[in-house]
Amino acid sequence: MNTTPCRGRWQTAIFALFAGCATLAPVDYAAIVSSPERSEADRQTDQRRHPDRLLAFTGARPGMRVLDMGAGGGYSTELVARAVAPTGTVYAQDSATLPDRVKERFDERAKNPAMKNVVRMLRDYDDPVSPESRNLDLITFFFAYHDTAFMNVDRAKMNRRLFEALKPGGALVIADHSAAAGAGVSVARSLHRIEESVLRREIEAAGFRLDAEGDFLRHPEDPRDAVVFRPKVPVDEFVLRFVKPFEGARSDDSTGY
């Protein structure tokens, strides 16, 4: 996994120390994923998502306040909820226009004791943060950012709201399906993909700084020209961690840390 910092090595260290976590003891993400309480359907999804590595990349840990954007059926929501338990909280956002079948899947999952620290929020993507869900340590946005490109969403406004909701030093972790160079958001509806560089520019325009990239979901053999639900080869996916800089922090990497 390539997690080499891209801007400011100090940012990752400060995030780990001051992002509001209850303890700095190591988190056993493999144990979270292998819990016998998890469903067989989720274990099937694990085979292509590598959730232990994804959780480790987010840095989720007990006591954190987390916003899970585009929670869908709650697969990732539950994993994050397990990571921040017993004292943390996960706010699971989705649009009120979510299909009923997806809402029903989430509602069924919510009966699981592992979801007791999850707060469901049906809010527009460009106004995703409720008053009680501010002052966040972490925001996760897994495989749903591309959807906002073909929905009636003001993405610049959405990203500003996410930036405002995070504590300084907090992280926004985005994973999504990679589109070919030059595709931009043009295939967001047809292929459910987005060009990585376009997404990065949009997030950085809100004030975020790229902190690290994860390569554990990369598949360079993917020509990135097929819909992600019917791939001929494993889908190439990018994972990016952005941070909200402390006020007055430098944006280069010349701090000496």
Protein backbone atom coordinates (compact mmCIF):
# COMPACT_ATOMS: atom_id res chain seq x y z
CA MET A 1 0.00 0.00 0.00
CA ASN A 2 1.47 3.35 -1.02
CA THR A 3 0.58 5.89 1.61
CA THR A 4 3.45 8.26 1.01
CA PRO A 5 2.31 11.75 2.04
CA CYS A 6 1.84 14.09 -0.89
CA ARG A 7 1.70 17.36 0.99
CA GLY A 8 3.13 18.00 4.46
CA ARG A 9 4.30 14.95 6.39
CA TRP A 10 3.28 16.71 9.60
CA GLN A 11 -0.39 16.47 8.63
CA THR A 12 -0.65 12.71 9.10
CA ALA A 13 1.14 12.83 12.45
CA ILE A 14 -1.07 15.64 13.76
CA PHE A 15 -4.19 13.88 12.52
CA ALA A 16 -3.26 10.75 14.45
CA LEU A 17 -2.51 12.71 17.61
CA PHE A 18 -5.26 15.29 17.71
CA ALA A 19 -8.19 14.14 15.58
CA GLY A 20 -10.26 13.44 18.68
CA CYS A 21 -9.66 9.73 19.09
CA ALA A 22 -10.15 8.25 22.52
CA THR A 23 -6.98 6.15 22.45
CA LEU A 24 -3.85 5.74 20.38
CA ALA A 25 -3.63 2.01 21.05
CA PRO A 26 -3.36 -0.01 17.80
CA VAL A 27 -6.68 -0.95 16.22
CA ASP A 28 -7.03 -4.55 15.04
CA TYR A 29 -8.80 -3.93 11.75
CA ALA A 30 -8.40 -7.55 10.67
CA ALA A 31 -10.35 -8.64 13.76
CA ILE A 32 -13.10 -6.14 12.94
CA VAL A 33 -13.44 -7.55 9.43
CA SER A 34 -13.30 -11.18 10.56
CA SER A 35 -15.96 -10.77 13.25
CA PRO A 36 -18.32 -13.79 13.17
CA GLU A 37 -21.23 -11.37 13.61
CA ARG A 38 -20.82 -10.02 10.08
CA SER A 39 -23.03 -11.40 7.30
CA GLU A 40 -21.99 -13.75 4.54
CA ALA A 41 -23.07 -11.16 1.96
CA ASP A 42 -20.65 -8.66 3.48
CA ARG A 43 -17.87 -11.24 3.39
CA GLN A 44 -18.45 -11.66 -0.32
CA THR A 45 -18.12 -7.90 -0.78
CA ASP A 46 -14.91 -7.98 1.28
CA GLN A 47 -13.20 -9.96 -1.47
CA ARG A 48 -13.09 -6.92 -3.76
CA ARG A 49 -13.01 -4.12 -1.18
CA HIS A 50 -10.12 -5.14 1.12
CA PRO A 51 -11.90 -3.50 4.08
CA ASP A 52 -9.11 -4.12 6.60
CA ARG A 53 -6.71 -2.06 4.49
CA LEU A 54 -9.33 0.57 3.75
CA LEU A 55 -10.17 0.97 7.44
CA ALA A 56 -6.48 1.22 8.29
CA PHE A 57 -6.06 3.90 5.62
CA THR A 58 -8.86 5.98 7.17
CA GLY A 59 -7.35 5.77 10.64
CA ALA A 60 -10.80 5.18 12.16
CA ARG A 61 -10.51 4.34 15.86
CA PRO A 62 -12.58 4.25 19.05
CA GLY A 63 -14.14 7.54 20.08
CA MET A 64 -14.14 9.22 16.67
CA ARG A 65 -17.03 11.20 15.23
CA VAL A 66 -17.43 10.14 11.60
CA LEU A 67 -19.67 11.14 8.71
CA ASP A 68 -20.20 8.37 6.14
CA MET A 69 -21.35 10.00 2.92
CA GLY A 70 -23.55 8.02 0.52
CA ALA A 71 -24.03 5.23 3.04
CA GLY A 72 -26.28 3.19 0.73
CA GLY A 73 -27.07 -0.20 2.24
CA GLY A 74 -24.61 0.41 5.07
CA TYR A 75 -21.78 -2.01 4.26
CA SER A 76 -19.07 0.56 4.96
CA THR A 77 -21.10 2.29 7.65
CA GLU A 78 -21.14 -0.86 9.75
CA LEU A 79 -17.41 -1.41 9.35
CA VAL A 80 -16.62 2.14 10.44
CA ALA A 81 -19.11 1.85 13.32
CA ARG A 82 -17.28 -1.22 14.54
CA ALA A 83 -13.95 0.63 14.32
CA VAL A 84 -15.08 3.64 16.37
CA ALA A 85 -17.07 1.65 18.96
CA PRO A 86 -17.88 1.75 21.79
CA THR A 87 -17.72 5.51 22.33
CA GLY A 88 -17.63 6.88 18.79
CA THR A 89 -20.49 7.88 16.51
CA VAL A 90 -21.09 7.42 12.79
CA TYR A 91 -23.52 9.71 10.97
CA ALA A 92 -24.77 7.84 7.90
CA GLN A 93 -25.81 10.28 5.16
CA ASP A 94 -27.84 9.61 2.06
CA SER A 95 -30.25 11.51 -0.12
CA ALA A 96 -33.95 11.28 0.69
CA THR A 97 -34.42 10.22 -2.95
CA LEU A 98 -32.55 6.97 -2.30
CA PRO A 99 -34.45 4.02 -3.80
CA ASP A 100 -36.72 2.23 -1.34
CA ARG A 101 -34.90 -1.08 -1.80
CA VAL A 102 -31.64 0.53 -0.63
CA LYS A 103 -33.35 2.21 2.31
CA GLU A 104 -34.82 -1.15 3.29
CA ARG A 105 -31.38 -2.78 3.18
CA PHE A 106 -30.00 -0.12 5.48
CA ASP A 107 -32.97 -0.36 7.83
CA GLU A 108 -32.51 -4.12 8.07
CA ARG A 109 -28.81 -3.72 8.79
CA ALA A 110 -29.60 -1.09 11.45
CA LYS A 111 -31.12 -3.87 13.59
CA ASN A 112 -27.61 -5.27 14.06
CA PRO A 113 -26.14 -4.40 17.50
CA ALA A 114 -22.98 -3.20 15.74
CA MET A 115 -25.05 -0.31 14.34
CA LYS A 116 -26.16 1.05 17.71
CA ASN A 117 -23.73 3.97 17.45
CA VAL A 118 -24.98 4.97 13.98
CA VAL A 119 -27.23 7.98 13.37
CA ARG A 120 -29.15 7.86 10.08
CA MET A 121 -29.40 11.18 8.17
CA LEU A 122 -31.42 11.59 4.98
CA ARG A 123 -30.13 14.91 3.68
CA ASP A 124 -29.25 16.40 0.30
CA TYR A 125 -25.67 15.84 -0.78
CA ASP A 126 -24.98 19.57 -1.03
CA ASP A 127 -26.33 20.11 2.50
CA PRO A 128 -25.17 16.87 4.15
CA VAL A 129 -24.27 18.01 7.64
CA SER A 130 -26.77 18.47 10.45
CA PRO A 131 -26.00 20.78 13.41
CA GLU A 132 -25.33 17.82 15.69
CA SER A 133 -22.99 16.12 13.21
CA ARG A 134 -20.38 18.85 13.06
CA ASN A 135 -16.95 18.87 14.70
CA LEU A 136 -16.03 15.65 12.93
CA ASP A 137 -12.79 13.69 13.11
CA LEU A 138 -13.28 11.81 9.84
CA ILE A 139 -15.46 11.78 6.73
CA THR A 140 -15.66 8.71 4.51
CA PHE A 141 -17.05 8.87 0.96
CA PHE A 142 -16.82 5.43 -0.59
CA PHE A 143 -17.79 4.73 -4.21
CA ALA A 144 -20.52 7.39 -4.30
CA TYR A 145 -18.82 10.67 -5.19
CA HIS A 146 -19.25 9.91 -8.88
CA ASP A 147 -23.02 9.66 -8.36
CA THR A 148 -23.17 13.33 -7.38
CA ALA A 149 -21.86 14.20 -10.85
CA PHE A 150 -25.11 13.14 -12.52
CA MET A 151 -27.46 14.11 -9.70
CA ASN A 152 -28.78 17.60 -9.06
CA VAL A 153 -25.93 18.36 -6.66
CA ASP A 154 -23.81 21.48 -6.27
CA ARG A 155 -20.54 19.64 -5.65
CA ALA A 156 -18.59 22.78 -4.80
CA LYS A 157 -21.13 23.59 -2.09
CA MET A 158 -21.08 19.99 -0.86
CA ASN A 159 -17.32 19.98 -0.54
CA ARG A 160 -17.32 23.29 1.33
CA ARG A 161 -19.86 21.89 3.80
CA LEU A 162 -17.65 18.84 4.37
CA PHE A 163 -14.63 21.05 4.93
CA GLU A 164 -16.52 23.19 7.44
CA ALA A 165 -17.76 20.13 9.35
CA LEU A 166 -14.30 18.66 9.98
CA LYS A 167 -12.04 19.56 12.88
CA PRO A 168 -8.70 21.05 11.81
CA GLY A 169 -6.44 18.09 11.17
CA GLY A 170 -9.41 15.87 10.40
CA ALA A 171 -9.48 13.66 7.30
CA LEU A 172 -11.72 13.09 4.30
CA VAL A 173 -11.12 9.69 2.68
CA ILE A 174 -12.59 9.08 -0.76
CA ALA A 175 -12.59 5.85 -2.75
CA ASP A 176 -14.12 5.64 -6.21
CA HIS A 177 -14.06 3.86 -9.56
CA SER A 178 -11.43 5.27 -11.91
CA ALA A 179 -12.32 6.68 -15.34
CA ALA A 180 -9.89 6.99 -18.22
CA ALA A 181 -7.78 10.10 -18.55
CA GLY A 182 -9.79 12.89 -20.14
CA ALA A 183 -13.17 11.40 -19.26
CA GLY A 184 -13.80 13.83 -16.42
CA VAL A 185 -17.33 13.28 -15.13
CA SER A 186 -18.77 12.41 -18.56
CA VAL A 187 -19.06 8.68 -17.76
CA ALA A 188 -20.31 9.08 -14.19
CA ARG A 189 -23.82 7.92 -15.13
CA SER A 190 -23.02 5.46 -17.91
CA LEU A 191 -20.01 3.68 -16.39
CA HIS A 192 -20.21 4.85 -12.75
CA ARG A 193 -16.66 6.13 -12.95
CA ILE A 194 -14.94 9.47 -12.41
CA GLU A 195 -11.52 10.75 -13.43
CA GLU A 196 -9.28 10.87 -10.38
CA SER A 197 -7.61 14.17 -11.24
CA VAL A 198 -10.97 15.91 -11.64
CA LEU A 199 -12.20 14.68 -8.27
CA ARG A 200 -8.96 15.77 -6.65
CA ARG A 201 -9.21 19.29 -8.08
CA GLU A 202 -12.77 19.62 -6.83
CA ILE A 203 -11.86 18.55 -3.31
CA GLU A 204 -8.76 20.73 -3.13
CA ALA A 205 -10.79 23.73 -4.32
CA ALA A 206 -12.73 23.50 -1.05
CA GLY A 207 -9.53 23.92 0.98
CA PHE A 208 -8.49 20.30 1.53
CA ARG A 209 -4.91 19.12 1.05
CA LEU A 210 -4.04 15.71 -0.35
CA ASP A 211 -2.23 13.74 2.34
CA ALA A 212 -1.88 10.19 0.99
CA GLU A 213 -2.87 7.77 -1.76
CA GLY A 214 -3.68 4.10 -1.31
CA ASP A 215 -2.87 1.66 -4.12
CA PHE A 216 -4.50 -1.45 -2.63
CA LEU A 217 -7.55 -1.25 -4.94
CA ARG A 218 -5.60 -0.43 -8.07
CA HIS A 219 -5.92 -2.64 -11.16
CA PRO A 220 -3.85 -1.22 -14.02
CA GLU A 221 -5.10 -4.01 -16.29
CA ASP A 222 -8.55 -2.37 -16.28
CA PRO A 223 -9.05 -0.42 -19.55
CA ARG A 224 -11.64 1.67 -17.65
CA ASP A 225 -14.12 1.55 -20.52
CA ALA A 226 -16.81 -0.71 -19.01
CA VAL A 227 -19.55 -0.20 -16.45
CA VAL A 228 -18.28 -1.20 -13.02
CA PHE A 229 -21.16 -3.58 -12.36
CA ARG A 230 -20.21 -5.88 -15.25
CA PRO A 231 -16.42 -5.74 -15.45
CA LYS A 232 -14.37 -8.05 -17.65
CA VAL A 233 -11.40 -7.52 -15.33
CA PRO A 234 -11.21 -6.17 -11.76
CA VAL A 235 -12.15 -2.49 -11.61
CA ASP A 236 -9.38 0.05 -11.11
CA GLU A 237 -10.23 2.11 -8.02
CA PHE A 238 -8.40 4.97 -6.33
CA VAL A 239 -8.31 5.83 -2.63
CA LEU A 240 -7.31 9.32 -1.51
CA ARG A 241 -6.94 10.82 1.94
CA PHE A 242 -7.32 14.59 2.26
CA VAL A 243 -6.87 16.63 5.41
CA LYS A 244 -8.25 19.93 6.65
CA PRO A 245 -5.12 21.97 7.42
CA PHE A 246 -4.69 23.81 10.66
CA GLU A 247 -5.23 27.54 10.20
CA GLY A 248 -2.05 29.19 9.03
CA ALA A 249 -0.37 25.90 8.14
CA ARG A 250 1.97 25.81 5.17
CA SER A 251 0.83 23.86 2.10
CA ASP A 252 4.28 22.67 1.02
CA ASP A 253 6.45 19.90 2.45
CA SER A 254 9.33 22.01 3.73
CA THR A 255 8.57 21.86 7.46
CA GLY A 256 11.48 19.51 8.15
CA TYR A 257 9.36 16.78 9.77
